[in-house]
Amino acid sequence: MRLLLASQSPRRRQLLDALGFPVEFISPDVKEEVPSDLPACQAAEYLARLKAEACPTDHIAPDQVLIAADTVVVLHGHALGKPRDRHEAVAMLKALSGQPHSVFTGVCLRTPTLTHSFSEETIVHFAPLSDADIAHYVDTYRPFDKAGAYGIQEWIGMVGITRIEGCYYNVMGLPVARLYCELQLLG
């Protein structure tokens, strides 16, 4: 089975490479907008389907599975996407400081004849973060390409996350164990 990843995420590429499947990459041209009445917990799966559907079926070979994914951080029912700038990144991390929150990654699998999507939730607990720690992280790691303005695998995850409930890789952007099971079901 060959995989076609519809993403520019270096973390998703790394995780799929680690699974040992041959992977090709494409970049779908999608305007990532979520309907205002959609609950935040459903946004990631909605966006993953949107990305998958933006790829024409004739670009998927019979022995390929297209994988599209999106990750959303949800705090108190509100989705935190990728920060636009330093100010927004700092504000997101201040809001997450000392709070548990959910990370949802939606995945859509597509073959020439099938479309199947699912999402995975991981609950992340942050310790209280000092203003100095937040500033150091944002200025050093520039997490502007990460939902919720952080990467669990980076410095802030090492010093600020006290525990998680669920899949670690889901927080990185791809629920690898669940994805592997879903791919096995496809054969």
N, C-alpha and C. Protein backbone atom coordinates (compact mmCIF):
# COMPACT_ATOMS: atom_id res chain seq x y z
N MET A 1 0.84 -1.18 0.00
CA MET A 1 0.00 0.00 0.00
C MET A 1 0.89 1.25 0.00
N ARG A 2 0.63 2.15 -0.92
CA ARG A 2 1.36 3.40 -0.98
C ARG A 2 0.48 4.51 -0.42
N LEU A 3 1.10 5.41 0.31
CA LEU A 3 0.36 6.50 0.92
C LEU A 3 0.63 7.80 0.18
N LEU A 4 -0.39 8.63 0.09
CA LEU A 4 -0.31 9.95 -0.51
C LEU A 4 -0.76 10.93 0.56
N LEU A 5 0.17 11.68 1.12
CA LEU A 5 -0.14 12.59 2.22
C LEU A 5 -0.47 13.97 1.68
N ALA A 6 -1.66 14.44 1.98
CA ALA A 6 -2.10 15.77 1.55
C ALA A 6 -1.80 16.76 2.68
N SER A 7 -0.52 17.06 2.84
CA SER A 7 -0.09 17.93 3.92
C SER A 7 1.33 18.40 3.68
N GLN A 8 1.64 19.57 4.19
CA GLN A 8 3.00 20.08 4.18
C GLN A 8 3.66 19.94 5.55
N SER A 9 2.96 19.34 6.50
CA SER A 9 3.46 19.24 7.87
C SER A 9 4.69 18.34 7.95
N PRO A 10 5.81 18.88 8.41
CA PRO A 10 7.00 18.03 8.56
C PRO A 10 6.81 16.97 9.64
N ARG A 11 5.99 17.25 10.63
CA ARG A 11 5.74 16.27 11.70
C ARG A 11 4.94 15.08 11.16
N ARG A 12 3.94 15.34 10.34
CA ARG A 12 3.17 14.23 9.76
C ARG A 12 4.04 13.41 8.82
N ARG A 13 4.88 14.06 8.06
CA ARG A 13 5.80 13.34 7.17
C ARG A 13 6.71 12.42 7.98
N GLN A 14 7.27 12.95 9.06
CA GLN A 14 8.15 12.17 9.93
C GLN A 14 7.43 10.96 10.50
N LEU A 15 6.21 11.15 10.96
CA LEU A 15 5.45 10.05 11.56
C LEU A 15 5.10 8.98 10.53
N LEU A 16 4.70 9.37 9.33
CA LEU A 16 4.38 8.38 8.30
C LEU A 16 5.63 7.65 7.82
N ASP A 17 6.74 8.36 7.71
CA ASP A 17 8.00 7.71 7.36
C ASP A 17 8.34 6.64 8.39
N ALA A 18 8.11 6.94 9.67
CA ALA A 18 8.43 6.00 10.74
C ALA A 18 7.55 4.74 10.68
N LEU A 19 6.36 4.85 10.09
CA LEU A 19 5.49 3.67 9.94
C LEU A 19 6.04 2.69 8.90
N GLY A 20 6.88 3.17 8.01
CA GLY A 20 7.50 2.29 7.03
C GLY A 20 6.76 2.13 5.72
N PHE A 21 5.71 2.92 5.51
CA PHE A 21 5.00 2.87 4.23
C PHE A 21 5.66 3.83 3.24
N PRO A 22 5.67 3.49 1.95
CA PRO A 22 6.12 4.47 0.95
C PRO A 22 5.13 5.65 0.94
N VAL A 23 5.67 6.86 0.99
CA VAL A 23 4.81 8.04 1.07
C VAL A 23 5.20 9.05 -0.01
N GLU A 24 4.18 9.56 -0.68
CA GLU A 24 4.33 10.69 -1.59
C GLU A 24 3.56 11.85 -0.98
N PHE A 25 3.89 13.06 -1.42
CA PHE A 25 3.28 14.23 -0.82
C PHE A 25 2.65 15.12 -1.87
N ILE A 26 1.49 15.66 -1.53
CA ILE A 26 0.84 16.66 -2.36
C ILE A 26 0.37 17.78 -1.44
N SER A 27 0.08 18.90 -2.02
CA SER A 27 -0.38 20.04 -1.24
C SER A 27 -1.70 20.54 -1.81
N PRO A 28 -2.81 20.13 -1.22
CA PRO A 28 -4.11 20.57 -1.76
C PRO A 28 -4.31 22.07 -1.51
N ASP A 29 -4.94 22.71 -2.46
CA ASP A 29 -5.23 24.13 -2.35
C ASP A 29 -6.62 24.28 -1.73
N VAL A 30 -6.65 24.50 -0.43
CA VAL A 30 -7.91 24.54 0.30
C VAL A 30 -7.96 25.77 1.19
N LYS A 31 -9.09 26.44 1.18
CA LYS A 31 -9.31 27.53 2.13
C LYS A 31 -9.90 26.90 3.38
N GLU A 32 -9.13 26.90 4.46
CA GLU A 32 -9.52 26.19 5.68
C GLU A 32 -10.48 27.03 6.51
N GLU A 33 -11.75 26.96 6.16
CA GLU A 33 -12.78 27.68 6.90
C GLU A 33 -13.76 26.66 7.47
N VAL A 34 -14.12 26.86 8.72
CA VAL A 34 -15.04 25.98 9.41
C VAL A 34 -16.37 26.72 9.59
N PRO A 35 -17.50 26.06 9.30
CA PRO A 35 -18.79 26.72 9.53
C PRO A 35 -18.92 27.17 10.99
N SER A 36 -19.46 28.35 11.19
CA SER A 36 -19.54 28.92 12.54
C SER A 36 -20.40 28.10 13.49
N ASP A 37 -21.34 27.32 12.97
CA ASP A 37 -22.21 26.52 13.85
C ASP A 37 -21.66 25.12 14.13
N LEU A 38 -20.48 24.79 13.60
CA LEU A 38 -19.89 23.48 13.83
C LEU A 38 -19.19 23.47 15.19
N PRO A 39 -19.49 22.47 16.04
CA PRO A 39 -18.81 22.40 17.34
C PRO A 39 -17.29 22.27 17.14
N ALA A 40 -16.53 22.90 18.01
CA ALA A 40 -15.07 22.91 17.90
C ALA A 40 -14.48 21.51 17.86
N CYS A 41 -15.11 20.56 18.57
CA CYS A 41 -14.60 19.19 18.61
C CYS A 41 -14.73 18.48 17.26
N GLN A 42 -15.51 19.03 16.33
CA GLN A 42 -15.69 18.42 15.01
C GLN A 42 -14.90 19.14 13.91
N ALA A 43 -14.25 20.23 14.26
CA ALA A 43 -13.57 21.06 13.26
C ALA A 43 -12.42 20.32 12.58
N ALA A 44 -11.62 19.57 13.32
CA ALA A 44 -10.45 18.90 12.73
C ALA A 44 -10.88 17.87 11.69
N GLU A 45 -11.89 17.07 11.99
CA GLU A 45 -12.34 16.07 11.02
C GLU A 45 -12.97 16.75 9.80
N TYR A 46 -13.70 17.82 10.02
CA TYR A 46 -14.29 18.57 8.92
C TYR A 46 -13.19 19.07 7.97
N LEU A 47 -12.14 19.66 8.54
CA LEU A 47 -11.05 20.19 7.73
C LEU A 47 -10.28 19.09 7.01
N ALA A 48 -10.11 17.95 7.67
CA ALA A 48 -9.42 16.82 7.02
C ALA A 48 -10.21 16.35 5.80
N ARG A 49 -11.53 16.26 5.93
CA ARG A 49 -12.37 15.86 4.78
C ARG A 49 -12.28 16.91 3.67
N LEU A 50 -12.29 18.16 4.04
CA LEU A 50 -12.19 19.24 3.07
C LEU A 50 -10.90 19.12 2.26
N LYS A 51 -9.78 18.86 2.95
CA LYS A 51 -8.50 18.69 2.27
C LYS A 51 -8.51 17.46 1.36
N ALA A 52 -9.08 16.36 1.84
CA ALA A 52 -9.12 15.14 1.04
C ALA A 52 -9.98 15.32 -0.21
N GLU A 53 -11.10 15.99 -0.06
CA GLU A 53 -12.02 16.18 -1.18
C GLU A 53 -11.47 17.17 -2.21
N ALA A 54 -10.48 17.97 -1.81
CA ALA A 54 -9.86 18.91 -2.75
C ALA A 54 -8.92 18.22 -3.72
N CYS A 55 -8.59 16.97 -3.44
CA CYS A 55 -7.69 16.19 -4.31
C CYS A 55 -8.54 15.38 -5.29
N PRO A 56 -8.37 15.60 -6.58
CA PRO A 56 -9.16 14.84 -7.56
C PRO A 56 -8.92 13.34 -7.44
N THR A 57 -9.96 12.56 -7.58
CA THR A 57 -9.88 11.11 -7.46
C THR A 57 -8.90 10.51 -8.47
N ASP A 58 -8.83 11.11 -9.66
CA ASP A 58 -7.93 10.55 -10.67
C ASP A 58 -6.45 10.75 -10.34
N HIS A 59 -6.15 11.49 -9.28
CA HIS A 59 -4.77 11.63 -8.81
C HIS A 59 -4.39 10.53 -7.82
N ILE A 60 -5.37 9.69 -7.46
CA ILE A 60 -5.12 8.61 -6.50
C ILE A 60 -5.08 7.29 -7.27
N ALA A 61 -3.94 6.63 -7.24
CA ALA A 61 -3.77 5.35 -7.94
C ALA A 61 -4.54 4.25 -7.20
N PRO A 62 -4.87 3.15 -7.90
CA PRO A 62 -5.62 2.06 -7.26
C PRO A 62 -4.93 1.47 -6.02
N ASP A 63 -3.59 1.54 -5.96
CA ASP A 63 -2.88 0.97 -4.80
C ASP A 63 -2.47 2.06 -3.80
N GLN A 64 -3.07 3.23 -3.90
CA GLN A 64 -2.75 4.34 -3.00
C GLN A 64 -3.90 4.65 -2.07
N VAL A 65 -3.54 5.19 -0.92
CA VAL A 65 -4.52 5.77 0.01
C VAL A 65 -4.08 7.20 0.27
N LEU A 66 -4.98 8.13 0.00
CA LEU A 66 -4.73 9.53 0.32
C LEU A 66 -5.04 9.73 1.80
N ILE A 67 -4.15 10.42 2.48
CA ILE A 67 -4.36 10.76 3.89
C ILE A 67 -4.35 12.27 4.01
N ALA A 68 -5.42 12.81 4.54
CA ALA A 68 -5.49 14.24 4.86
C ALA A 68 -5.77 14.34 6.35
N ALA A 69 -5.15 15.32 7.00
CA ALA A 69 -5.33 15.45 8.44
C ALA A 69 -5.32 16.92 8.84
N ASP A 70 -5.93 17.20 9.97
CA ASP A 70 -5.88 18.53 10.55
C ASP A 70 -5.98 18.39 12.06
N THR A 71 -5.32 19.29 12.77
CA THR A 71 -5.31 19.25 14.22
C THR A 71 -5.84 20.56 14.77
N VAL A 72 -6.69 20.45 15.79
CA VAL A 72 -7.27 21.62 16.44
C VAL A 72 -7.13 21.45 17.95
N VAL A 73 -6.72 22.51 18.61
CA VAL A 73 -6.67 22.54 20.07
C VAL A 73 -7.96 23.19 20.54
N VAL A 74 -8.63 22.55 21.50
CA VAL A 74 -9.91 23.07 22.00
C VAL A 74 -9.79 23.35 23.49
N LEU A 75 -10.04 24.60 23.86
CA LEU A 75 -10.00 25.04 25.25
C LEU A 75 -11.35 25.64 25.60
N HIS A 76 -12.00 25.07 26.59
CA HIS A 76 -13.32 25.54 27.04
C HIS A 76 -14.31 25.67 25.88
N GLY A 77 -14.28 24.71 24.95
CA GLY A 77 -15.22 24.69 23.84
C GLY A 77 -14.86 25.57 22.66
N HIS A 78 -13.72 26.25 22.73
CA HIS A 78 -13.31 27.14 21.65
C HIS A 78 -12.05 26.59 20.97
N ALA A 79 -12.07 26.58 19.65
CA ALA A 79 -10.93 26.07 18.89
C ALA A 79 -9.82 27.12 18.82
N LEU A 80 -8.61 26.64 19.06
CA LEU A 80 -7.42 27.47 18.89
C LEU A 80 -6.68 26.94 17.67
N GLY A 81 -6.61 27.73 16.66
CA GLY A 81 -5.90 27.31 15.45
C GLY A 81 -4.44 27.67 15.54
N LYS A 82 -3.84 27.98 14.40
CA LYS A 82 -2.45 28.40 14.36
C LYS A 82 -2.40 29.90 14.61
N PRO A 83 -1.48 30.34 15.46
CA PRO A 83 -1.40 31.78 15.73
C PRO A 83 -0.89 32.54 14.50
N ARG A 84 -1.42 33.74 14.32
CA ARG A 84 -1.01 34.57 13.18
C ARG A 84 0.30 35.30 13.44
N ASP A 85 0.58 35.53 14.72
CA ASP A 85 1.78 36.32 15.05
C ASP A 85 2.20 36.03 16.49
N ARG A 86 3.27 36.71 16.93
CA ARG A 86 3.80 36.51 18.27
C ARG A 86 2.76 36.83 19.34
N HIS A 87 2.08 37.94 19.17
CA HIS A 87 1.08 38.35 20.16
C HIS A 87 0.01 37.26 20.35
N GLU A 88 -0.48 36.72 19.26
CA GLU A 88 -1.51 35.69 19.35
C GLU A 88 -0.95 34.40 19.94
N ALA A 89 0.30 34.05 19.62
CA ALA A 89 0.92 32.85 20.19
C ALA A 89 1.05 32.98 21.71
N VAL A 90 1.50 34.13 22.17
CA VAL A 90 1.63 34.38 23.61
C VAL A 90 0.27 34.30 24.28
N ALA A 91 -0.73 34.91 23.67
CA ALA A 91 -2.08 34.88 24.25
C ALA A 91 -2.62 33.45 24.35
N MET A 92 -2.39 32.64 23.33
CA MET A 92 -2.85 31.24 23.38
C MET A 92 -2.17 30.48 24.50
N LEU A 93 -0.86 30.64 24.63
CA LEU A 93 -0.13 29.90 25.66
C LEU A 93 -0.52 30.38 27.06
N LYS A 94 -0.80 31.66 27.22
CA LYS A 94 -1.28 32.17 28.52
C LYS A 94 -2.64 31.56 28.85
N ALA A 95 -3.50 31.41 27.84
CA ALA A 95 -4.81 30.80 28.07
C ALA A 95 -4.68 29.32 28.43
N LEU A 96 -3.72 28.62 27.81
CA LEU A 96 -3.53 27.19 28.08
C LEU A 96 -2.79 26.94 29.40
N SER A 97 -2.07 27.92 29.90
CA SER A 97 -1.28 27.78 31.12
C SER A 97 -2.14 27.30 32.29
N GLY A 98 -1.72 26.20 32.89
CA GLY A 98 -2.42 25.66 34.05
C GLY A 98 -3.75 25.00 33.75
N GLN A 99 -4.06 24.81 32.47
CA GLN A 99 -5.37 24.30 32.07
C GLN A 99 -5.27 22.98 31.32
N PRO A 100 -6.23 22.08 31.58
CA PRO A 100 -6.34 20.94 30.67
C PRO A 100 -7.09 21.39 29.41
N HIS A 101 -6.76 20.79 28.30
CA HIS A 101 -7.46 21.10 27.05
C HIS A 101 -7.44 19.85 26.17
N SER A 102 -8.22 19.88 25.13
CA SER A 102 -8.30 18.75 24.21
C SER A 102 -7.58 19.07 22.91
N VAL A 103 -6.93 18.06 22.36
CA VAL A 103 -6.35 18.16 21.03
C VAL A 103 -7.07 17.13 20.16
N PHE A 104 -7.70 17.60 19.12
CA PHE A 104 -8.40 16.73 18.17
C PHE A 104 -7.62 16.72 16.87
N THR A 105 -7.34 15.53 16.38
CA THR A 105 -6.80 15.41 15.03
C THR A 105 -7.83 14.63 14.22
N GLY A 106 -8.27 15.26 13.15
CA GLY A 106 -9.16 14.60 12.21
C GLY A 106 -8.36 14.04 11.07
N VAL A 107 -8.73 12.85 10.61
CA VAL A 107 -8.04 12.18 9.51
C VAL A 107 -9.08 11.74 8.50
N CYS A 108 -8.79 11.95 7.23
CA CYS A 108 -9.65 11.45 6.17
C CYS A 108 -8.81 10.58 5.25
N LEU A 109 -9.27 9.35 5.05
CA LEU A 109 -8.62 8.40 4.15
C LEU A 109 -9.45 8.32 2.89
N ARG A 110 -8.78 8.34 1.75
CA ARG A 110 -9.51 8.31 0.48
C ARG A 110 -8.79 7.42 -0.51
N THR A 111 -9.56 6.56 -1.14
CA THR A 111 -9.09 5.74 -2.25
C THR A 111 -9.91 6.16 -3.46
N PRO A 112 -9.65 5.57 -4.63
CA PRO A 112 -10.48 5.94 -5.78
C PRO A 112 -11.97 5.61 -5.58
N THR A 113 -12.28 4.71 -4.63
CA THR A 113 -13.68 4.29 -4.47
C THR A 113 -14.26 4.51 -3.08
N LEU A 114 -13.46 5.02 -2.13
CA LEU A 114 -13.90 5.10 -0.74
C LEU A 114 -13.39 6.36 -0.08
N THR A 115 -14.22 6.96 0.78
CA THR A 115 -13.80 8.06 1.64
C THR A 115 -14.23 7.71 3.05
N HIS A 116 -13.28 7.75 3.99
CA HIS A 116 -13.55 7.40 5.38
C HIS A 116 -12.82 8.38 6.28
N SER A 117 -13.53 8.95 7.25
CA SER A 117 -12.87 9.88 8.16
C SER A 117 -13.15 9.52 9.61
N PHE A 118 -12.26 10.00 10.48
CA PHE A 118 -12.40 9.79 11.92
C PHE A 118 -11.61 10.88 12.63
N SER A 119 -11.82 10.98 13.93
CA SER A 119 -11.00 11.91 14.71
C SER A 119 -10.62 11.24 16.02
N GLU A 120 -9.55 11.75 16.58
CA GLU A 120 -9.00 11.23 17.83
C GLU A 120 -8.83 12.41 18.78
N GLU A 121 -9.13 12.18 20.07
CA GLU A 121 -8.98 13.22 21.08
C GLU A 121 -7.92 12.81 22.09
N THR A 122 -7.06 13.74 22.44
CA THR A 122 -6.09 13.57 23.52
C THR A 122 -6.26 14.76 24.46
N ILE A 123 -6.32 14.49 25.74
CA ILE A 123 -6.43 15.56 26.73
C ILE A 123 -5.01 15.86 27.25
N VAL A 124 -4.65 17.13 27.19
CA VAL A 124 -3.32 17.59 27.58
C VAL A 124 -3.45 18.49 28.80
N HIS A 125 -2.60 18.26 29.79
CA HIS A 125 -2.59 19.08 31.01
C HIS A 125 -1.32 19.90 31.05
N PHE A 126 -1.48 21.22 31.07
CA PHE A 126 -0.34 22.13 31.18
C PHE A 126 -0.17 22.58 32.63
N ALA A 127 1.05 22.65 33.08
CA ALA A 127 1.38 23.31 34.35
C ALA A 127 1.23 24.81 34.14
N PRO A 128 1.15 25.57 35.22
CA PRO A 128 1.19 27.02 35.05
C PRO A 128 2.52 27.43 34.40
N LEU A 129 2.45 28.28 33.40
CA LEU A 129 3.63 28.73 32.67
C LEU A 129 3.91 30.18 33.02
N SER A 130 5.16 30.50 33.27
CA SER A 130 5.52 31.89 33.57
C SER A 130 5.55 32.69 32.27
N ASP A 131 5.43 34.00 32.40
CA ASP A 131 5.53 34.87 31.23
C ASP A 131 6.89 34.71 30.56
N ALA A 132 7.93 34.52 31.38
CA ALA A 132 9.29 34.36 30.84
C ALA A 132 9.40 33.06 30.04
N ASP A 133 8.80 31.97 30.55
CA ASP A 133 8.83 30.70 29.82
C ASP A 133 8.08 30.81 28.50
N ILE A 134 6.93 31.46 28.53
CA ILE A 134 6.14 31.62 27.30
C ILE A 134 6.93 32.45 26.29
N ALA A 135 7.51 33.56 26.73
CA ALA A 135 8.28 34.42 25.82
C ALA A 135 9.48 33.67 25.25
N HIS A 136 10.18 32.93 26.10
CA HIS A 136 11.34 32.15 25.62
C HIS A 136 10.90 31.15 24.55
N TYR A 137 9.83 30.43 24.82
CA TYR A 137 9.37 29.42 23.86
C TYR A 137 8.97 30.05 22.53
N VAL A 138 8.14 31.07 22.59
CA VAL A 138 7.65 31.71 21.36
C VAL A 138 8.80 32.32 20.57
N ASP A 139 9.72 32.98 21.25
CA ASP A 139 10.82 33.64 20.55
C ASP A 139 11.86 32.66 20.01
N THR A 140 12.03 31.54 20.70
CA THR A 140 13.03 30.55 20.27
C THR A 140 12.47 29.58 19.24
N TYR A 141 11.25 29.09 19.45
CA TYR A 141 10.70 28.02 18.61
C TYR A 141 9.71 28.53 17.55
N ARG A 142 9.23 29.76 17.69
CA ARG A 142 8.34 30.38 16.70
C ARG A 142 7.24 29.40 16.25
N PRO A 143 6.34 29.05 17.17
CA PRO A 143 5.34 28.01 16.89
C PRO A 143 4.13 28.48 16.08
N PHE A 144 4.37 29.25 15.05
CA PHE A 144 3.28 29.84 14.28
C PHE A 144 2.63 28.86 13.32
N ASP A 145 3.22 27.68 13.14
CA ASP A 145 2.62 26.67 12.27
C ASP A 145 1.97 25.54 13.07
N LYS A 146 1.70 25.80 14.36
CA LYS A 146 1.17 24.75 15.24
C LYS A 146 -0.14 25.19 15.88
N ALA A 147 -1.12 24.31 15.83
CA ALA A 147 -2.40 24.57 16.49
C ALA A 147 -2.15 24.79 17.98
N GLY A 148 -2.75 25.82 18.54
CA GLY A 148 -2.59 26.11 19.95
C GLY A 148 -1.25 26.74 20.30
N ALA A 149 -0.42 26.99 19.30
CA ALA A 149 0.88 27.67 19.46
C ALA A 149 1.90 26.85 20.23
N TYR A 150 1.81 25.51 20.15
CA TYR A 150 2.85 24.71 20.80
C TYR A 150 3.01 23.37 20.11
N GLY A 151 4.20 22.81 20.29
CA GLY A 151 4.50 21.46 19.85
C GLY A 151 4.89 20.64 21.07
N ILE A 152 4.18 19.56 21.31
CA ILE A 152 4.43 18.72 22.49
C ILE A 152 5.86 18.18 22.49
N GLN A 153 6.45 17.99 21.31
CA GLN A 153 7.78 17.42 21.19
C GLN A 153 8.88 18.46 21.40
N GLU A 154 8.51 19.71 21.59
CA GLU A 154 9.47 20.79 21.76
C GLU A 154 9.65 21.14 23.25
N TRP A 155 10.49 22.11 23.51
CA TRP A 155 10.84 22.53 24.86
C TRP A 155 9.63 22.75 25.76
N ILE A 156 8.61 23.43 25.25
CA ILE A 156 7.42 23.73 26.07
C ILE A 156 6.72 22.45 26.51
N GLY A 157 6.74 21.42 25.67
CA GLY A 157 6.15 20.15 26.06
C GLY A 157 6.93 19.47 27.16
N MET A 158 8.25 19.60 27.09
CA MET A 158 9.11 18.97 28.10
C MET A 158 8.97 19.64 29.46
N VAL A 159 8.84 20.97 29.49
CA VAL A 159 8.80 21.67 30.77
C VAL A 159 7.40 22.03 31.23
N GLY A 160 6.43 22.01 30.33
CA GLY A 160 5.11 22.50 30.69
C GLY A 160 3.99 21.50 30.74
N ILE A 161 4.13 20.37 30.05
CA ILE A 161 3.03 19.40 30.03
C ILE A 161 3.24 18.40 31.15
N THR A 162 2.27 18.33 32.06
CA THR A 162 2.39 17.45 33.22
C THR A 162 1.86 16.05 32.95
N ARG A 163 0.87 15.93 32.06
CA ARG A 163 0.39 14.60 31.67
C ARG A 163 -0.53 14.72 30.48
N ILE A 164 -0.71 13.58 29.81
CA ILE A 164 -1.68 13.52 28.72
C ILE A 164 -2.55 12.29 28.93
N GLU A 165 -3.75 12.35 28.38
CA GLU A 165 -4.68 11.22 28.39
C GLU A 165 -5.01 10.94 26.93
N GLY A 166 -4.39 9.88 26.40
CA GLY A 166 -4.58 9.55 25.00
C GLY A 166 -3.27 9.45 24.27
N CYS A 167 -3.34 9.58 22.97
CA CYS A 167 -2.19 9.35 22.08
C CYS A 167 -1.28 10.57 22.00
N TYR A 168 -0.01 10.37 22.34
CA TYR A 168 1.01 11.42 22.24
C TYR A 168 1.14 11.91 20.80
N TYR A 169 1.18 10.98 19.85
CA TYR A 169 1.37 11.34 18.45
C TYR A 169 0.19 12.12 17.90
N ASN A 170 -0.98 11.93 18.48
CA ASN A 170 -2.14 12.71 18.09
C ASN A 170 -1.88 14.20 18.34
N VAL A 171 -1.21 14.51 19.44
CA VAL A 171 -0.90 15.90 19.76
C VAL A 171 0.14 16.45 18.78
N MET A 172 1.01 15.58 18.29
CA MET A 172 1.98 15.99 17.26
C MET A 172 1.31 16.23 15.91
N GLY A 173 0.11 15.67 15.71
CA GLY A 173 -0.61 15.92 14.47
C GLY A 173 -1.11 14.71 13.73
N LEU A 174 -0.90 13.50 14.27
CA LEU A 174 -1.38 12.31 13.58
C LEU A 174 -1.53 11.16 14.58
N PRO A 175 -2.75 10.65 14.78
CA PRO A 175 -2.94 9.52 15.70
C PRO A 175 -2.45 8.22 15.05
N VAL A 176 -1.18 7.96 15.15
CA VAL A 176 -0.51 6.93 14.38
C VAL A 176 -1.09 5.53 14.63
N ALA A 177 -1.30 5.15 15.87
CA ALA A 177 -1.83 3.81 16.16
C ALA A 177 -3.21 3.62 15.54
N ARG A 178 -4.07 4.59 15.70
CA ARG A 178 -5.41 4.51 15.10
C ARG A 178 -5.32 4.50 13.58
N LEU A 179 -4.47 5.34 13.02
CA LEU A 179 -4.30 5.37 11.57
C LEU A 179 -3.83 4.02 11.06
N TYR A 180 -2.88 3.40 11.74
CA TYR A 180 -2.37 2.10 11.33
C TYR A 180 -3.50 1.07 11.31
N CYS A 181 -4.33 1.07 12.34
CA CYS A 181 -5.48 0.14 12.38
C CYS A 181 -6.44 0.40 11.23
N GLU A 182 -6.73 1.67 10.97
CA GLU A 182 -7.66 2.01 9.88
C GLU A 182 -7.09 1.60 8.52
N LEU A 183 -5.79 1.79 8.34
CA LEU A 183 -5.15 1.35 7.08
C LEU A 183 -5.20 -0.17 6.92
N GLN A 184 -5.03 -0.89 8.03
CA GLN A 184 -5.11 -2.35 7.98
C GLN A 184 -6.52 -2.79 7.56
N LEU A 185 -7.54 -2.09 8.02
CA LEU A 185 -8.91 -2.42 7.64
C LEU A 185 -9.14 -2.21 6.14
N LEU A 186 -8.43 -1.22 5.57
CA LEU A 186 -8.56 -0.99 4.13
C LEU A 186 -7.86 -2.08 3.32
N GLY A 187 -6.94 -2.80 3.97
CA GLY A 187 -6.27 -3.92 3.29
C GLY A 187 -5.00 -3.51 2.63
